[in-house]
PDB file of N, CA and C in Angstrom:
ATOM      1  N   MET A   1      66.102  77.113 106.962  1.00  0.00           N
ATOM      2  CA  MET A   1      66.312  78.279 106.134  1.00  0.00           C
ATOM      3  C   MET A   1      65.534  79.467 106.682  1.00  0.00           C
ATOM      4  N   ASP A   2      64.315  79.232 107.143  1.00  0.00           N
ATOM      5  CA  ASP A   2      63.495  80.327 107.648  1.00  0.00           C
ATOM      6  C   ASP A   2      64.047  80.879 108.957  1.00  0.00           C
ATOM      7  N   LYS A   3      64.640  79.991 109.776  1.00  0.00           N
ATOM      8  CA  LYS A   3      65.206  80.461 111.033  1.00  0.00           C
ATOM      9  C   LYS A   3      66.398  81.378 110.808  1.00  0.00           C
ATOM     10  N   SER A   4      67.216  81.092 109.796  1.00  0.00           N
ATOM     11  CA  SER A   4      68.389  81.932 109.543  1.00  0.00           C
ATOM     12  C   SER A   4      67.968  83.337 109.112  1.00  0.00           C
ATOM     13  N   ILE A   5      66.894  83.450 108.355  1.00  0.00           N
ATOM     14  CA  ILE A   5      66.393  84.765 107.965  1.00  0.00           C
ATOM     15  C   ILE A   5      65.834  85.492 109.182  1.00  0.00           C
ATOM     16  N   ALA A   6      65.181  84.766 110.054  1.00  0.00           N
ATOM     17  CA  ALA A   6      64.662  85.383 111.275  1.00  0.00           C
ATOM     18  C   ALA A   6      65.800  85.875 112.157  1.00  0.00           C
ATOM     19  N   TYR A   7      66.867  85.091 112.283  1.00  0.00           N
ATOM     20  CA  TYR A   7      68.017  85.533 113.065  1.00  0.00           C
ATOM     21  C   TYR A   7      68.649  86.774 112.443  1.00  0.00           C
ATOM     22  N   LEU A   8      68.730  86.793 111.130  1.00  0.00           N
ATOM     23  CA  LEU A   8      69.298  87.944 110.439  1.00  0.00           C
ATOM     24  C   LEU A   8      68.470  89.199 110.675  1.00  0.00           C
ATOM     25  N   VAL A   9      67.158  89.057 110.654  1.00  0.00           N
ATOM     26  CA  VAL A   9      66.275  90.200 110.905  1.00  0.00           C
ATOM     27  C   VAL A   9      66.450  90.696 112.332  1.00  0.00           C
ATOM     28  N   VAL A  10      66.592  89.788 113.271  1.00  0.00           N
ATOM     29  CA  VAL A  10      66.777  90.181 114.671  1.00  0.00           C
ATOM     30  C   VAL A  10      68.130  90.867 114.866  1.00  0.00           C
ATOM     31  N   LEU A  11      69.155  90.374 114.184  1.00  0.00           N
ATOM     32  CA  LEU A  11      70.494  90.930 114.349  1.00  0.00           C
ATOM     33  C   LEU A  11      70.761  92.148 113.467  1.00  0.00           C
ATOM     34  N   LEU A  12      69.872  92.483 112.562  1.00  0.00           N
ATOM     35  CA  LEU A  12      70.092  93.590 111.633  1.00  0.00           C
ATOM     36  C   LEU A  12      70.368  94.923 112.333  1.00  0.00           C
ATOM     37  N   PRO A  13      69.654  95.317 113.378  1.00  0.00           N
ATOM     38  CA  PRO A  13      70.009  96.578 114.051  1.00  0.00           C
ATOM     39  C   PRO A  13      71.413  96.563 114.654  1.00  0.00           C
ATOM     40  N   ALA A  14      71.827  95.435 115.205  1.00  0.00           N
ATOM     41  CA  ALA A  14      73.173  95.340 115.777  1.00  0.00           C
ATOM     42  C   ALA A  14      74.234  95.421 114.684  1.00  0.00           C
ATOM     43  N   ILE A  15      73.998  94.762 113.554  1.00  0.00           N
ATOM     44  CA  ILE A  15      74.936  94.807 112.437  1.00  0.00           C
ATOM     45  C   ILE A  15      75.027  96.229 111.888  1.00  0.00           C
ATOM     46  N   ALA A  16      73.877  96.881 111.740  1.00  0.00           N
ATOM     47  CA  ALA A  16      73.859  98.245 111.220  1.00  0.00           C
ATOM     48  C   ALA A  16      74.579  99.204 112.154  1.00  0.00           C
ATOM     49  N   SER A  17      74.373  99.078 113.455  1.00  0.00           N
ATOM     50  CA  SER A  17      75.052  99.976 114.394  1.00  0.00           C
ATOM     51  C   SER A  17      76.552  99.702 114.437  1.00  0.00           C
ATOM     52  N   ALA A  18      76.965  98.455 114.289  1.00  0.00           N
ATOM     53  CA  ALA A  18      78.396  98.142 114.251  1.00  0.00           C
ATOM     54  C   ALA A  18      79.046  98.732 113.005  1.00  0.00           C
ATOM     55  N   LEU A  19      78.375  98.638 111.858  1.00  0.00           N
ATOM     56  CA  LEU A  19      78.899  99.249 110.641  1.00  0.00           C
ATOM     57  C   LEU A  19      78.966 100.766 110.756  1.00  0.00           C
ATOM     58  N   LEU A  20      77.943 101.365 111.333  1.00  0.00           N
ATOM     59  CA  LEU A  20      77.938 102.812 111.526  1.00  0.00           C
ATOM     60  C   LEU A  20      79.078 103.234 112.452  1.00  0.00           C
ATOM     61  N   ALA A  21      79.289 102.502 113.529  1.00  0.00           N
ATOM     62  CA  ALA A  21      80.387 102.813 114.449  1.00  0.00           C
ATOM     63  C   ALA A  21      81.734 102.685 113.747  1.00  0.00           C
ATOM     64  N   PHE A  22      81.887 101.670 112.895  1.00  0.00           N
ATOM     65  CA  PHE A  22      83.132 101.515 112.143  1.00  0.00           C
ATOM     66  C   PHE A  22      83.377 102.726 111.256  1.00  0.00           C
ATOM     67  N   PHE A  23      82.358 103.149 110.516  1.00  0.00           N
ATOM     68  CA  PHE A  23      82.540 104.283 109.612  1.00  0.00           C
ATOM     69  C   PHE A  23      82.800 105.578 110.373  1.00  0.00           C
ATOM     70  N   VAL A  24      82.139 105.770 111.481  1.00  0.00           N
ATOM     71  CA  VAL A  24      82.321 107.009 112.244  1.00  0.00           C
ATOM     72  C   VAL A  24      83.691 107.044 112.912  1.00  0.00           C
ATOM     73  N   GLU A  25      84.139 105.936 113.450  1.00  0.00           N
ATOM     74  CA  GLU A  25      85.383 105.918 114.216  1.00  0.00           C
ATOM     75  C   GLU A  25      86.623 105.659 113.360  1.00  0.00           C
ATOM     76  N   CYS A  26      86.534 104.794 112.387  1.00  0.00           N
ATOM     77  CA  CYS A  26      87.724 104.354 111.658  1.00  0.00           C
ATOM     78  C   CYS A  26      87.974 105.103 110.354  1.00  0.00           C
ATOM     79  N   MET A  27      86.928 105.534 109.680  1.00  0.00           N
ATOM     80  CA  MET A  27      87.120 106.142 108.371  1.00  0.00           C
ATOM     81  C   MET A  27      87.923 107.445 108.403  1.00  0.00           C
ATOM     82  N   PRO A  28      87.749 108.354 109.378  1.00  0.00           N
ATOM     83  CA  PRO A  28      88.602 109.549 109.386  1.00  0.00           C
ATOM     84  C   PRO A  28      90.086 109.224 109.529  1.00  0.00           C
ATOM     85  N   ALA A  29      90.415 108.254 110.368  1.00  0.00           N
ATOM     86  CA  ALA A  29      91.819 107.860 110.526  1.00  0.00           C
ATOM     87  C   ALA A  29      92.352 107.228 109.246  1.00  0.00           C
ATOM     88  N   LEU A  30      91.550 106.391 108.602  1.00  0.00           N
ATOM     89  CA  LEU A  30      91.974 105.784 107.334  1.00  0.00           C
ATOM     90  C   LEU A  30      92.150 106.843 106.257  1.00  0.00           C
ATOM     91  N   ALA A  31      91.274 107.839 106.217  1.00  0.00           N
ATOM     92  CA  ALA A  31      91.376 108.908 105.225  1.00  0.00           C
ATOM     93  C   ALA A  31      92.643 109.740 105.461  1.00  0.00           C
ATOM     94  N   ARG A  32      92.958 110.029 106.720  1.00  0.00           N
ATOM     95  CA  ARG A  32      94.189 110.776 107.020  1.00  0.00           C
ATOM     96  C   ARG A  32      95.420 109.974 106.603  1.00  0.00           C
ATOM     97  N   GLY A  33      95.419 108.676 106.872  1.00  0.00           N
ATOM     98  CA  GLY A  33      96.537 107.832 106.472  1.00  0.00           C
ATOM     99  C   GLY A  33      96.689 107.766 104.956  1.00  0.00           C
ATOM    100  N   TYR A  34      95.568 107.677 104.256  1.00  0.00           N
ATOM    101  CA  TYR A  34      95.605 107.646 102.788  1.00  0.00           C
ATOM    102  C   TYR A  34      96.174 108.950 102.239  1.00  0.00           C
ATOM    103  N   ARG A  35      95.716 110.093 102.788  1.00  0.00           N
ATOM    104  CA  ARG A  35      96.211 111.387 102.301  1.00  0.00           C
ATOM    105  C   ARG A  35      97.700 111.545 102.558  1.00  0.00           C
ATOM    106  N   SER A  36      98.168 111.150 103.741  1.00  0.00           N
ATOM    107  CA  SER A  36      99.597 111.273 104.025  1.00  0.00           C
ATOM    108  C   SER A  36     100.413 110.320 103.148  1.00  0.00           C
ATOM    109  N   PHE A  37      99.876 109.146 102.853  1.00  0.00           N
ATOM    110  CA  PHE A  37     100.561 108.201 101.966  1.00  0.00           C
ATOM    111  C   PHE A  37     100.669 108.769 100.554  1.00  0.00           C
ATOM    112  N   MET A  38      99.581 109.359 100.070  1.00  0.00           N
ATOM    113  CA  MET A  38      99.556 109.857  98.692  1.00  0.00           C
ATOM    114  C   MET A  38     100.295 111.185  98.527  1.00  0.00           C
ATOM    115  N   GLU A  39     100.732 111.814  99.602  1.00  0.00           N
ATOM    116  CA  GLU A  39     101.509 113.051  99.503  1.00  0.00           C
ATOM    117  C   GLU A  39     103.002 112.766  99.388  1.00  0.00           C
ATOM    118  N   SER A  40     103.419 111.548  99.645  1.00  0.00           N
ATOM    119  CA  SER A  40     104.828 111.174  99.556  1.00  0.00           C
ATOM    120  C   SER A  40     105.123 110.627  98.158  1.00  0.00           C
ATOM    121  N   ARG A  41     106.029 111.287  97.453  1.00  0.00           N
ATOM    122  CA  ARG A  41     106.356 110.873  96.088  1.00  0.00           C
ATOM    123  C   ARG A  41     106.973 109.477  96.073  1.00  0.00           C
ATOM    124  N   HIS A  42     107.830 109.179  97.033  1.00  0.00           N
ATOM    125  CA  HIS A  42     108.495 107.865  97.057  1.00  0.00           C
ATOM    126  C   HIS A  42     107.507 106.738  97.339  1.00  0.00           C
ATOM    127  N   LYS A  43     106.545 106.972  98.222  1.00  0.00           N
ATOM    128  CA  LYS A  43     105.551 105.944  98.513  1.00  0.00           C
ATOM    129  C   LYS A  43     104.639 105.704  97.325  1.00  0.00           C
ATOM    130  N   VAL A  44     104.283 106.769  96.609  1.00  0.00           N
ATOM    131  CA  VAL A  44     103.421 106.611  95.431  1.00  0.00           C
ATOM    132  C   VAL A  44     104.183 105.881  94.323  1.00  0.00           C
ATOM    133  N   GLU A  45     105.474 106.173  94.166  1.00  0.00           N
ATOM    134  CA  GLU A  45     106.282 105.439  93.174  1.00  0.00           C
ATOM    135  C   GLU A  45     106.365 103.958  93.529  1.00  0.00           C
ATOM    136  N   TRP A  46     106.529 103.654  94.813  1.00  0.00           N
ATOM    137  CA  TRP A  46     106.558 102.253  95.255  1.00  0.00           C
ATOM    138  C   TRP A  46     105.233 101.572  94.938  1.00  0.00           C
ATOM    139  N   LEU A  47     104.128 102.237  95.233  1.00  0.00           N
ATOM    140  CA  LEU A  47     102.812 101.668  94.944  1.00  0.00           C
ATOM    141  C   LEU A  47     102.613 101.461  93.448  1.00  0.00           C
ATOM    142  N   ARG A  48     103.089 102.401  92.639  1.00  0.00           N
ATOM    143  CA  ARG A  48     102.975 102.263  91.187  1.00  0.00           C
ATOM    144  C   ARG A  48     103.736 101.041  90.691  1.00  0.00           C
ATOM    145  N   GLU A  49     104.923 100.800  91.223  1.00  0.00           N
ATOM    146  CA  GLU A  49     105.694  99.624  90.829  1.00  0.00           C
ATOM    147  C   GLU A  49     104.980  98.336  91.221  1.00  0.00           C
ATOM    148  N   ILE A  50     104.411  98.294  92.415  1.00  0.00           N
ATOM    149  CA  ILE A  50     103.680  97.101  92.866  1.00  0.00           C
ATOM    150  C   ILE A  50     102.485  96.843  91.943  1.00  0.00           C
ATOM    151  N   VAL A  51     101.737  97.895  91.605  1.00  0.00           N
ATOM    152  CA  VAL A  51     100.553  97.741  90.759  1.00  0.00           C
ATOM    153  C   VAL A  51     100.957  97.285  89.358  1.00  0.00           C
ATOM    154  N   THR A  52     102.050  97.834  88.840  1.00  0.00           N
ATOM    155  CA  THR A  52     102.514  97.430  87.506  1.00  0.00           C
ATOM    156  C   THR A  52     102.923  95.960  87.486  1.00  0.00           C
ATOM    157  N   HIS A  53     103.673  95.522  88.491  1.00  0.00           N
ATOM    158  CA  HIS A  53     104.071  94.115  88.552  1.00  0.00           C
ATOM    159  C   HIS A  53     102.855  93.204  88.712  1.00  0.00           C
ATOM    160  N   ALA A  54     101.897  93.623  89.523  1.00  0.00           N
ATOM    161  CA  ALA A  54     100.693  92.815  89.710  1.00  0.00           C
ATOM    162  C   ALA A  54      99.905  92.700  88.411  1.00  0.00           C
ATOM    163  N   ALA A  55      99.919  93.748  87.593  1.00  0.00           N
ATOM    164  CA  ALA A  55      99.200  93.702  86.318  1.00  0.00           C
ATOM    165  C   ALA A  55      99.806  92.638  85.398  1.00  0.00           C
ATOM    166  N   PHE A  56     101.132  92.630  85.304  1.00  0.00           N
ATOM    167  CA  PHE A  56     101.770  91.685  84.394  1.00  0.00           C
ATOM    168  C   PHE A  56     101.752  90.253  84.940  1.00  0.00           C
ATOM    169  N   TYR A  57     102.060  90.074  86.226  1.00  0.00           N
ATOM    170  CA  TYR A  57     102.098  88.728  86.786  1.00  0.00           C
ATOM    171  C   TYR A  57     100.701  88.125  86.883  1.00  0.00           C
ATOM    172  N   GLY A  58      99.743  88.915  87.310  1.00  0.00           N
ATOM    173  CA  GLY A  58      98.378  88.410  87.448  1.00  0.00           C
ATOM    174  C   GLY A  58      97.771  88.000  86.122  1.00  0.00           C
ATOM    175  N   SER A  59      97.990  88.814  85.087  1.00  0.00           N
ATOM    176  CA  SER A  59      97.417  88.453  83.789  1.00  0.00           C
ATOM    177  C   SER A  59      98.131  87.249  83.184  1.00  0.00           C
ATOM    178  N   ALA A  60      99.429  87.123  83.425  1.00  0.00           N
ATOM    179  CA  ALA A  60     100.151  85.949  82.908  1.00  0.00           C
ATOM    180  C   ALA A  60      99.677  84.673  83.595  1.00  0.00           C
ATOM    181  N   ILE A  61      99.471  84.738  84.903  1.00  0.00           N
ATOM    182  CA  ILE A  61      98.983  83.560  85.629  1.00  0.00           C
ATOM    183  C   ILE A  61      97.569  83.208  85.185  1.00  0.00           C
ATOM    184  N   GLY A  62      96.708  84.233  85.035  1.00  0.00           N
ATOM    185  CA  GLY A  62      95.337  83.983  84.580  1.00  0.00           C
ATOM    186  C   GLY A  62      95.297  83.402  83.181  1.00  0.00           C
ATOM    187  N   ALA A  63      96.143  83.916  82.294  1.00  0.00           N
ATOM    188  CA  ALA A  63      96.186  83.376  80.930  1.00  0.00           C
ATOM    189  C   ALA A  63      96.696  81.942  80.928  1.00  0.00           C
ATOM    190  N   ALA A  64      97.699  81.657  81.756  1.00  0.00           N
ATOM    191  CA  ALA A  64      98.225  80.294  81.827  1.00  0.00           C
ATOM    192  C   ALA A  64      97.183  79.328  82.364  1.00  0.00           C
ATOM    193  N   LEU A  65      96.423  79.743  83.379  1.00  0.00           N
ATOM    194  CA  LEU A  65      95.371  78.881  83.907  1.00  0.00           C
ATOM    195  C   LEU A  65      94.244  78.711  82.894  1.00  0.00           C
ATOM    196  N   GLY A  66      93.954  79.752  82.143  1.00  0.00           N
ATOM    197  CA  GLY A  66      92.899  79.666  81.135  1.00  0.00           C
ATOM    198  C   GLY A  66      93.261  78.718  80.007  1.00  0.00           C
ATOM    199  N   VAL A  67      94.521  78.720  79.601  1.00  0.00           N
ATOM    200  CA  VAL A  67      94.968  77.818  78.538  1.00  0.00           C
ATOM    201  C   VAL A  67      94.964  76.387  79.045  1.00  0.00           C
ATOM    202  N   LYS A  68      95.364  76.211  80.290  1.00  0.00           N
ATOM    203  CA  LYS A  68      95.452  74.869  80.843  1.00  0.00           C
ATOM    204  C   LYS A  68      94.075  74.237  81.004  1.00  0.00           C
ATOM    205  N   LYS A  69      93.092  75.029  81.370  1.00  0.00           N
ATOM    206  CA  LYS A  69      91.755  74.490  81.609  1.00  0.00           C
ATOM    207  C   LYS A  69      90.819  74.700  80.417  1.00  0.00           C
ATOM    208  N   ASP A  70      91.317  75.159  79.317  1.00  0.00           N
ATOM    209  CA  ASP A  70      90.519  75.422  78.108  1.00  0.00           C
ATOM    210  C   ASP A  70      89.318  76.317  78.421  1.00  0.00           C
ATOM    211  N   SER A  71      89.555  77.373  79.195  1.00  0.00           N
ATOM    212  CA  SER A  71      88.488  78.287  79.573  1.00  0.00           C
ATOM    213  C   SER A  71      88.798  79.668  79.020  1.00  0.00           C
ATOM    214  N   ALA A  72      87.917  80.156  78.174  1.00  0.00           N
ATOM    215  CA  ALA A  72      88.097  81.500  77.632  1.00  0.00           C
ATOM    216  C   ALA A  72      87.780  82.569  78.675  1.00  0.00           C
ATOM    217  N   LEU A  73      86.970  82.207  79.658  1.00  0.00           N
ATOM    218  CA  LEU A  73      86.596  83.167  80.689  1.00  0.00           C
ATOM    219  C   LEU A  73      87.810  83.650  81.481  1.00  0.00           C
ATOM    220  N   LEU A  74      88.723  82.741  81.825  1.00  0.00           N
ATOM    221  CA  LEU A  74      89.920  83.152  82.555  1.00  0.00           C
ATOM    222  C   LEU A  74      90.800  84.069  81.708  1.00  0.00           C
ATOM    223  N   GLY A  75      90.818  83.877  80.412  1.00  0.00           N
ATOM    224  CA  GLY A  75      91.549  84.784  79.522  1.00  0.00           C
ATOM    225  C   GLY A  75      90.945  86.178  79.538  1.00  0.00           C
ATOM    226  N   TRP A  76      89.625  86.249  79.526  1.00  0.00           N
ATOM    227  CA  TRP A  76      88.956  87.555  79.587  1.00  0.00           C
ATOM    228  C   TRP A  76      89.173  88.217  80.945  1.00  0.00           C
ATOM    229  N   ILE A  77      89.159  87.430  82.000  1.00  0.00           N
ATOM    230  CA  ILE A  77      89.425  87.975  83.333  1.00  0.00           C
ATOM    231  C   ILE A  77      90.860  88.500  83.411  1.00  0.00           C
ATOM    232  N   ALA A  78      91.796  87.766  82.822  1.00  0.00           N
ATOM    233  CA  ALA A  78      93.191  88.214  82.814  1.00  0.00           C
ATOM    234  C   ALA A  78      93.334  89.517  82.033  1.00  0.00           C
ATOM    235  N   ALA A  79      92.645  89.643  80.915  1.00  0.00           N
ATOM    236  CA  ALA A  79      92.705  90.885  80.131  1.00  0.00           C
ATOM    237  C   ALA A  79      92.104  92.050  80.914  1.00  0.00           C
ATOM    238  N   ALA A  80      90.982  91.815  81.578  1.00  0.00           N
ATOM    239  CA  ALA A  80      90.354  92.873  82.377  1.00  0.00           C
ATOM    240  C   ALA A  80      91.262  93.269  83.545  1.00  0.00           C
ATOM    241  N   TRP A  81      91.879  92.286  84.194  1.00  0.00           N
ATOM    242  CA  TRP A  81      92.820  92.540  85.289  1.00  0.00           C
ATOM    243  C   TRP A  81      93.967  93.414  84.798  1.00  0.00           C
ATOM    244  N   PHE A  82      94.541  93.057  83.638  1.00  0.00           N
ATOM    245  CA  PHE A  82      95.664  93.807  83.085  1.00  0.00           C
ATOM    246  C   PHE A  82      95.260  95.242  82.776  1.00  0.00           C
ATOM    247  N   ILE A  83      94.131  95.433  82.118  1.00  0.00           N
ATOM    248  CA  ILE A  83      93.697  96.778  81.742  1.00  0.00           C
ATOM    249  C   ILE A  83      93.403  97.621  82.979  1.00  0.00           C
ATOM    250  N   ALA A  84      92.762  97.042  83.961  1.00  0.00           N
ATOM    251  CA  ALA A  84      92.432  97.793  85.173  1.00  0.00           C
ATOM    252  C   ALA A  84      93.688  98.228  85.930  1.00  0.00           C
ATOM    253  N   LEU A  85      94.636  97.322  86.087  1.00  0.00           N
ATOM    254  CA  LEU A  85      95.824  97.666  86.858  1.00  0.00           C
ATOM    255  C   LEU A  85      96.784  98.559  86.089  1.00  0.00           C
ATOM    256  N   ILE A  86      96.855  98.412  84.783  1.00  0.00           N
ATOM    257  CA  ILE A  86      97.693  99.328  84.006  1.00  0.00           C
ATOM    258  C   ILE A  86      97.093 100.726  84.026  1.00  0.00           C
ATOM    259  N   SER A  87      95.769 100.824  84.003  1.00  0.00           N
ATOM    260  CA  SER A  87      95.118 102.137  84.124  1.00  0.00           C
ATOM    261  C   SER A  87      95.402 102.755  85.489  1.00  0.00           C
ATOM    262  N   ALA A  88      95.375 101.952  86.533  1.00  0.00           N
ATOM    263  CA  ALA A  88      95.701 102.449  87.872  1.00  0.00           C
ATOM    264  C   ALA A  88      97.163 102.888  87.943  1.00  0.00           C
ATOM    265  N   ALA A  89      98.061 102.137  87.319  1.00  0.00           N
ATOM    266  CA  ALA A  89      99.477 102.511  87.307  1.00  0.00           C
ATOM    267  C   ALA A  89      99.683 103.821  86.550  1.00  0.00           C
ATOM    268  N   TYR A  90      98.931 104.014  85.479  1.00  0.00           N
ATOM    269  CA  TYR A  90      99.021 105.270  84.723  1.00  0.00           C
ATOM    270  C   TYR A  90      98.538 106.441  85.575  1.00  0.00           C
ATOM    271  N   ALA A  91      97.450 106.257  86.309  1.00  0.00           N
ATOM    272  CA  ALA A  91      96.946 107.319  87.187  1.00  0.00           C
ATOM    273  C   ALA A  91      97.965 107.622  88.287  1.00  0.00           C
ATOM    274  N   LEU A  92      98.614 106.593  88.820  1.00  0.00           N
ATOM    275  CA  LEU A  92      99.649 106.817  89.832  1.00  0.00           C
ATOM    276  C   LEU A  92     100.860 107.534  89.240  1.00  0.00           C
ATOM    277  N   THR A  93     101.198 107.248  87.983  1.00  0.00           N
ATOM    278  CA  THR A  93     102.293 107.950  87.319  1.00  0.00           C
ATOM    279  C   THR A  93     101.977 109.432  87.190  1.00  0.00           C
ATOM    280  N   GLU A  94     100.747 109.754  86.805  1.00  0.00           N
ATOM    281  CA  GLU A  94     100.353 111.164  86.715  1.00  0.00           C
ATOM    282  C   GLU A  94     100.412 111.825  88.089  1.00  0.00           C
ATOM    283  N   HIS A  95     100.039 111.094  89.136  1.00  0.00           N
ATOM    284  CA  HIS A  95     100.091 111.650  90.484  1.00  0.00           C
ATOM    285  C   HIS A  95     101.538 111.908  90.905  1.00  0.00           C
ATOM    286  N   VAL A  96     102.450 111.007  90.556  1.00  0.00           N
ATOM    287  CA  VAL A  96     103.867 111.201  90.860  1.00  0.00           C
ATOM    288  C   VAL A  96     104.386 112.444  90.146  1.00  0.00           C
ATOM    289  N   GLU A  97     103.985 112.638  88.892  1.00  0.00           N
ATOM    290  CA  GLU A  97     104.420 113.827  88.156  1.00  0.00           C
ATOM    291  C   GLU A  97     103.893 115.102  88.800  1.00  0.00           C
ATOM    292  N   ARG A  98     102.649 115.080  89.287  1.00  0.00           N
ATOM    293  CA  ARG A  98     102.112 116.261  89.975  1.00  0.00           C
ATOM    294  C   ARG A  98     102.883 116.525  91.268  1.00  0.00           C
ATOM    295  N   LEU A  99     103.284 115.461  91.959  1.00  0.00           N
ATOM    296  CA  LEU A  99     104.060 115.641  93.185  1.00  0.00           C
ATOM    297  C   LEU A  99     105.471 116.139  92.889  1.00  0.00           C
ATOM    298  N   SER A 100     106.008 115.794  91.726  1.00  0.00           N
ATOM    299  CA  SER A 100     107.370 116.185  91.368  1.00  0.00           C
ATOM    300  C   SER A 100     107.449 117.626  90.883  1.00  0.00           C
ATOM    301  N   GLU A 101     106.351 118.166  90.359  1.00  0.00           N
ATOM    302  CA  GLU A 101     106.374 119.538  89.852  1.00  0.00           C
ATOM    303  C   GLU A 101     106.527 120.500  91.019  1.00  0.00           C
ATOM    304  N   PRO A 102     107.405 121.491  90.861  1.00  0.00           N
ATOM    305  CA  PRO A 102     107.539 122.466  91.944  1.00  0.00           C
ATOM    306  C   PRO A 102     106.312 123.370  91.991  1.00  0.00           C
ATOM    307  N   ASP A 103     105.971 123.794  93.190  1.00  0.00           N
ATOM    308  CA  ASP A 103     104.867 124.736  93.324  1.00  0.00           C
ATOM    309  C   ASP A 103     105.265 126.068  92.714  1.00  0.00           C
ATOM    310  N   GLU A 104     104.286 126.827  92.284  1.00  0.00           N
ATOM    311  CA  GLU A 104     104.588 128.114  91.670  1.00  0.00           C
ATOM    312  C   GLU A 104     105.209 129.060  92.685  1.00  0.00           C
ATOM    313  N   ASP A 105     104.889 128.894  93.963  1.00  0.00           N
ATOM    314  CA  ASP A 105     105.453 129.752  94.990  1.00  0.00           C
ATOM    315  C   ASP A 105     106.935 129.494  95.199  1.00  0.00           C
ATOM    316  N   GLU A 106     107.416 128.311  94.831  1.00  0.00           N
ATOM    317  CA  GLU A 106     108.801 127.951  95.064  1.00  0.00           C
ATOM    318  C   GLU A 106     109.704 128.253  93.876  1.00  0.00           C
ATOM    319  N   THR A 107     109.150 128.626  92.733  1.00  0.00           N
ATOM    320  CA  THR A 107     109.971 128.874  91.557  1.00  0.00           C
ATOM    321  C   THR A 107     110.713 130.192  91.708  1.00  0.00           C
ATOM    322  N   PRO A 108     111.905 130.305  91.088  1.00  0.00           N
ATOM    323  CA  PRO A 108     112.639 131.562  91.171  1.00  0.00           C
ATOM    324  C   PRO A 108     111.836 132.686  90.518  1.00  0.00           C
ATOM    325  N   GLY A 109     111.828 133.823  91.139  1.00  0.00           N
ATOM    326  CA  GLY A 109     111.103 134.970  90.600  1.00  0.00           C
ATOM    327  C   GLY A 109     109.669 135.055  91.064  1.00  0.00           C
ATOM    328  N   ALA A 110     109.197 134.038  91.798  1.00  0.00           N
ATOM    329  CA  ALA A 110     107.811 134.071  92.270  1.00  0.00           C
ATOM    330  C   ALA A 110     107.623 135.169  93.294  1.00  0.00           C
ATOM    331  N   ALA A 111     108.657 135.390  94.110  1.00  0.00           N
ATOM    332  CA  ALA A 111     108.556 136.454  95.110  1.00  0.00           C
ATOM    333  C   ALA A 111     108.497 137.813  94.445  1.00  0.00           C
ATOM    334  N   ALA A 112     109.214 137.980  93.347  1.00  0.00           N
ATOM    335  CA  ALA A 112     109.181 139.260  92.636  1.00  0.00           C
ATOM    336  C   ALA A 112     107.821 139.488  92.001  1.00  0.00           C
ATOM    337  N   ARG A 113     107.186 138.415  91.525  1.00  0.00           N
ATOM    338  CA  ARG A 113     105.857 138.571  90.917  1.00  0.00           C
ATOM    339  C   ARG A 113     104.802 138.877  91.972  1.00  0.00           C
ATOM    340  N   GLN A 114     105.038 138.455  93.207  1.00  0.00           N
ATOM    341  CA  GLN A 114     104.040 138.654  94.244  1.00  0.00           C
ATOM    342  C   GLN A 114     104.236 139.965  94.996  1.00  0.00           C
ATOM    343  N   ARG A 115     105.416 140.601  94.853  1.00  0.00           N
ATOM    344  CA  ARG A 115     105.655 141.859  95.544  1.00  0.00           C
ATOM    345  C   ARG A 115     104.759 142.944  94.979  1.00  0.00           C
ATOM    346  N   PRO A 116     104.096 143.696  95.815  1.00  0.00           N
ATOM    347  CA  PRO A 116     103.275 144.779  95.286  1.00  0.00           C
ATOM    348  C   PRO A 116     104.148 145.906  94.747  1.00  0.00           C
ATOM    349  N   VAL A 117     103.667 146.544  93.710  1.00  0.00           N
ATOM    350  CA  VAL A 117     104.387 147.655  93.102  1.00  0.00           C
ATOM    351  C   VAL A 117     104.140 148.898  93.944  1.00  0.00           C
ATOM    352  N   GLU A 118     105.221 149.619  94.235  1.00  0.00           N
ATOM    353  CA  GLU A 118     105.071 150.833  95.028  1.00  0.00           C
ATOM    354  C   GLU A 118     104.249 151.850  94.255  1.00  0.00           C
ATOM    355  N   SER A 119     103.479 152.626  94.980  1.00  0.00           N
ATOM    356  CA  SER A 119     102.656 153.630  94.316  1.00  0.00           C
ATOM    357  C   SER A 119     103.552 154.677  93.679  1.00  0.00           C
ATOM    358  N   GLY A 120     103.260 155.035  92.450  1.00  0.00           N
ATOM    359  CA  GLY A 120     104.021 156.032  91.717  1.00  0.00           C
ATOM    360  C   GLY A 120     105.150 155.438  90.906  1.00  0.00           C
ATOM    361  N   ALA A 121     105.578 154.230  91.200  1.00  0.00           N
ATOM    362  CA  ALA A 121     106.661 153.600  90.459  1.00  0.00           C
ATOM    363  C   ALA A 121     106.062 152.752  89.349  1.00  0.00           C
ATOM    364  N   SER A 122     106.635 152.833  88.180  1.00  0.00           N
ATOM    365  CA  SER A 122     106.152 152.073  87.041  1.00  0.00           C
ATOM    366  C   SER A 122     106.815 150.710  87.024  1.00  0.00           C
ATOM    367  N   PRO A 123     106.056 149.664  86.796  1.00  0.00           N
ATOM    368  CA  PRO A 123     106.662 148.337  86.760  1.00  0.00           C
ATOM    369  C   PRO A 123     107.482 148.110  85.490  1.00  0.00           C
ATOM    370  N   LEU A 124     107.308 148.932  84.469  1.00  0.00           N
ATOM    371  CA  LEU A 124     108.051 148.776  83.216  1.00  0.00           C
ATOM    372  C   LEU A 124     109.129 149.839  83.131  1.00  0.00           C
ATOM    373  N   TYR A 125     110.248 149.463  82.574  1.00  0.00           N
ATOM    374  CA  TYR A 125     111.331 150.430  82.364  1.00  0.00           C
ATOM    375  C   TYR A 125     111.061 151.161  81.062  1.00  0.00           C
ATOM    376  N   THR A 126     110.976 152.472  81.145  1.00  0.00           N
ATOM    377  CA  THR A 126     110.657 153.267  79.957  1.00  0.00           C
ATOM    378  C   THR A 126     111.896 153.818  79.297  1.00  0.00           C
ATOM    379  N   GLY A 127     113.021 153.765  79.948  1.00  0.00           N
ATOM    380  CA  GLY A 127     114.248 154.283  79.357  1.00  0.00           C
ATOM    381  C   GLY A 127     114.470 155.744  79.709  1.00  0.00           C
ATOM    382  N   GLU A 128     113.552 156.380  80.364  1.00  0.00           N
ATOM    383  CA  GLU A 128     113.710 157.782  80.760  1.00  0.00           C
ATOM    384  C   GLU A 128     114.220 157.832  82.188  1.00  0.00           C
ATOM    385  N   ASP A 129     115.216 158.645  82.419  1.00  0.00           N
ATOM    386  CA  ASP A 129     115.764 158.804  83.770  1.00  0.00           C
ATOM    387  C   ASP A 129     115.494 160.170  84.304  1.00  0.00           C
TER     388      ASP A 129
END
């Protein structure tokens, strides 16, 4: 037991540098992939469906195993699994709705609202000609 701790202490700098290299080299690419995935409405809808199915199937399997083994703990784990994944599915649904909403720049009349008013011209019609 003491030798394994000594080996771990000796290898700790190598483990730390390998983890640091992973975060420096791989995390930016993973972050870019995540952002591009989450910008696609169809991919987010697909992920939401997978998470929703996993919530129902996982909790049903956990509840069935809990009943079979007379364990209340598996029932509580199944309930926590269901609540966590349904909450994630709800957050993904809100994200899909944000992706589906048109940007204000793309709505009709947005160009008219952004056009500057010419000097001397009134933006309101007064009825006087």
